[in-house]
Amino acid sequence: MPLTSLRNEIHNIAMHLRVQEDEERRRRACERALRARRGIEDHFESKRLARQLEDELESFG
């Protein structure tokens, strides 16, 4: 294999690895954002349910 072909092949492999790393980094960032969004939604749902429960208990008392 000529040196130029070898150099090109190594370059192609490096670029492929970089693309894979970028895709993995984006995937992890999306997962973190989704977990954060779900955590926020859970927090507000919990607060809503607590207020609803308080209202229900006040209506009995």
N, C-alpha and C. Protein backbone atom coordinates (compact mmCIF):
# COMPACT_ATOMS: atom_id res chain seq x y z
N MET A 1 0.86 -1.18 0.00
CA MET A 1 0.00 0.00 0.00
C MET A 1 0.90 1.23 0.00
N PRO A 2 0.72 2.11 -0.96
CA PRO A 2 1.55 3.32 -1.00
C PRO A 2 1.32 4.18 0.24
N LEU A 3 2.30 5.00 0.55
CA LEU A 3 2.24 5.83 1.74
C LEU A 3 1.04 6.77 1.71
N THR A 4 0.73 7.34 0.56
CA THR A 4 -0.41 8.24 0.45
C THR A 4 -1.71 7.53 0.77
N SER A 5 -1.87 6.31 0.26
CA SER A 5 -3.08 5.53 0.54
C SER A 5 -3.18 5.19 2.01
N LEU A 6 -2.07 4.83 2.60
CA LEU A 6 -2.05 4.51 4.03
C LEU A 6 -2.42 5.75 4.84
N ARG A 7 -1.85 6.88 4.47
CA ARG A 7 -2.14 8.13 5.17
C ARG A 7 -3.63 8.47 5.04
N ASN A 8 -4.19 8.31 3.86
CA ASN A 8 -5.61 8.57 3.64
C ASN A 8 -6.48 7.63 4.46
N GLU A 9 -6.09 6.37 4.52
CA GLU A 9 -6.86 5.38 5.29
C GLU A 9 -6.84 5.72 6.78
N ILE A 10 -5.69 6.10 7.28
CA ILE A 10 -5.59 6.49 8.69
C ILE A 10 -6.43 7.73 8.95
N HIS A 11 -6.39 8.69 8.04
CA HIS A 11 -7.21 9.89 8.17
C HIS A 11 -8.70 9.54 8.19
N ASN A 12 -9.13 8.66 7.29
CA ASN A 12 -10.53 8.25 7.24
C ASN A 12 -10.97 7.56 8.54
N ILE A 13 -10.11 6.72 9.07
CA ILE A 13 -10.41 6.03 10.32
C ILE A 13 -10.54 7.06 11.46
N ALA A 14 -9.62 8.01 11.50
CA ALA A 14 -9.66 9.04 12.55
C ALA A 14 -10.94 9.86 12.44
N MET A 15 -11.33 10.22 11.24
CA MET A 15 -12.55 11.00 11.05
C MET A 15 -13.77 10.19 11.47
N HIS A 16 -13.78 8.91 11.13
CA HIS A 16 -14.90 8.04 11.52
C HIS A 16 -15.01 7.96 13.04
N LEU A 17 -13.87 7.82 13.71
CA LEU A 17 -13.87 7.77 15.17
C LEU A 17 -14.36 9.08 15.76
N ARG A 18 -13.97 10.19 15.19
CA ARG A 18 -14.40 11.49 15.69
C ARG A 18 -15.91 11.65 15.53
N VAL A 19 -16.44 11.22 14.41
CA VAL A 19 -17.90 11.30 14.19
C VAL A 19 -18.62 10.45 15.22
N GLN A 20 -18.12 9.24 15.46
CA GLN A 20 -18.75 8.37 16.45
C GLN A 20 -18.71 8.99 17.84
N GLU A 21 -17.58 9.60 18.20
CA GLU A 21 -17.45 10.25 19.51
C GLU A 21 -18.43 11.41 19.62
N ASP A 22 -18.56 12.21 18.57
CA ASP A 22 -19.50 13.33 18.58
C ASP A 22 -20.94 12.84 18.73
N GLU A 23 -21.28 11.78 18.01
CA GLU A 23 -22.63 11.23 18.12
C GLU A 23 -22.91 10.72 19.52
N GLU A 24 -21.93 10.06 20.12
CA GLU A 24 -22.09 9.54 21.48
C GLU A 24 -22.24 10.70 22.47
N ARG A 25 -21.45 11.75 22.30
CA ARG A 25 -21.54 12.92 23.17
C ARG A 25 -22.92 13.57 23.06
N ARG A 26 -23.44 13.70 21.85
CA ARG A 26 -24.78 14.28 21.66
C ARG A 26 -25.85 13.39 22.27
N ARG A 27 -25.70 12.07 22.13
CA ARG A 27 -26.68 11.14 22.69
C ARG A 27 -26.71 11.26 24.22
N ARG A 28 -25.53 11.33 24.84
CA ARG A 28 -25.47 11.48 26.30
C ARG A 28 -26.06 12.81 26.74
N ALA A 29 -25.81 13.87 25.99
CA ALA A 29 -26.37 15.18 26.34
C ALA A 29 -27.90 15.14 26.25
N CYS A 30 -28.43 14.48 25.24
CA CYS A 30 -29.89 14.36 25.11
C CYS A 30 -30.47 13.56 26.28
N GLU A 31 -29.79 12.49 26.66
CA GLU A 31 -30.27 11.69 27.79
C GLU A 31 -30.26 12.50 29.08
N ARG A 32 -29.20 13.30 29.30
CA ARG A 32 -29.14 14.15 30.50
C ARG A 32 -30.27 15.17 30.50
N ALA A 33 -30.52 15.77 29.35
CA ALA A 33 -31.59 16.77 29.26
C ALA A 33 -32.95 16.12 29.52
N LEU A 34 -33.15 14.92 29.00
CA LEU A 34 -34.41 14.21 29.22
C LEU A 34 -34.60 13.87 30.70
N ARG A 35 -33.53 13.39 31.35
CA ARG A 35 -33.62 13.09 32.78
C ARG A 35 -33.93 14.34 33.58
N ALA A 36 -33.30 15.44 33.23
CA ALA A 36 -33.56 16.71 33.94
C ALA A 36 -35.00 17.14 33.74
N ARG A 37 -35.49 17.06 32.50
CA ARG A 37 -36.86 17.47 32.22
C ARG A 37 -37.85 16.60 32.98
N ARG A 38 -37.58 15.30 33.01
CA ARG A 38 -38.47 14.39 33.77
C ARG A 38 -38.43 14.69 35.26
N GLY A 39 -37.24 15.02 35.76
CA GLY A 39 -37.13 15.37 37.18
C GLY A 39 -37.93 16.61 37.51
N ILE A 40 -37.87 17.61 36.64
CA ILE A 40 -38.64 18.84 36.86
C ILE A 40 -40.13 18.53 36.80
N GLU A 41 -40.55 17.75 35.81
CA GLU A 41 -41.96 17.38 35.71
C GLU A 41 -42.42 16.62 36.94
N ASP A 42 -41.60 15.68 37.42
CA ASP A 42 -41.94 14.93 38.63
C ASP A 42 -42.08 15.86 39.83
N HIS A 43 -41.18 16.83 39.94
CA HIS A 43 -41.22 17.78 41.05
C HIS A 43 -42.54 18.55 41.04
N PHE A 44 -42.90 19.10 39.88
CA PHE A 44 -44.13 19.88 39.81
C PHE A 44 -45.38 19.02 39.99
N GLU A 45 -45.33 17.78 39.51
CA GLU A 45 -46.46 16.87 39.71
C GLU A 45 -46.62 16.55 41.19
N SER A 46 -45.50 16.35 41.88
CA SER A 46 -45.55 16.07 43.31
C SER A 46 -46.14 17.26 44.07
N LYS A 47 -45.71 18.47 43.72
CA LYS A 47 -46.26 19.66 44.37
C LYS A 47 -47.75 19.80 44.09
N ARG A 48 -48.16 19.52 42.86
CA ARG A 48 -49.57 19.62 42.50
C ARG A 48 -50.40 18.62 43.30
N LEU A 49 -49.90 17.40 43.41
CA LEU A 49 -50.62 16.38 44.16
C LEU A 49 -50.69 16.73 45.64
N ALA A 50 -49.62 17.29 46.19
CA ALA A 50 -49.62 17.68 47.60
C ALA A 50 -50.67 18.77 47.84
N ARG A 51 -50.74 19.75 46.94
CA ARG A 51 -51.75 20.80 47.09
C ARG A 51 -53.15 20.22 46.97
N GLN A 52 -53.32 19.31 46.04
CA GLN A 52 -54.63 18.68 45.85
C GLN A 52 -55.03 17.90 47.11
N LEU A 53 -54.09 17.19 47.68
CA LEU A 53 -54.36 16.43 48.90
C LEU A 53 -54.72 17.38 50.05
N GLU A 54 -53.97 18.47 50.18
CA GLU A 54 -54.29 19.45 51.22
C GLU A 54 -55.71 20.00 51.04
N ASP A 55 -56.07 20.32 49.82
CA ASP A 55 -57.40 20.84 49.54
C ASP A 55 -58.47 19.81 49.91
N GLU A 56 -58.23 18.57 49.59
CA GLU A 56 -59.18 17.51 49.91
C GLU A 56 -59.32 17.35 51.42
N LEU A 57 -58.18 17.39 52.13
CA LEU A 57 -58.22 17.24 53.58
C LEU A 57 -58.94 18.42 54.23
N GLU A 58 -58.74 19.63 53.71
CA GLU A 58 -59.43 20.81 54.25
C GLU A 58 -60.93 20.72 54.03
N SER A 59 -61.35 20.13 52.94
CA SER A 59 -62.79 20.04 52.67
C SER A 59 -63.47 19.05 53.63
N PHE A 60 -62.70 18.10 54.19
CA PHE A 60 -63.27 17.18 55.17
C PHE A 60 -63.30 17.78 56.57
N GLY A 61 -62.36 18.66 56.83
CA GLY A 61 -62.18 19.19 58.17
C GLY A 61 -63.04 20.37 58.41
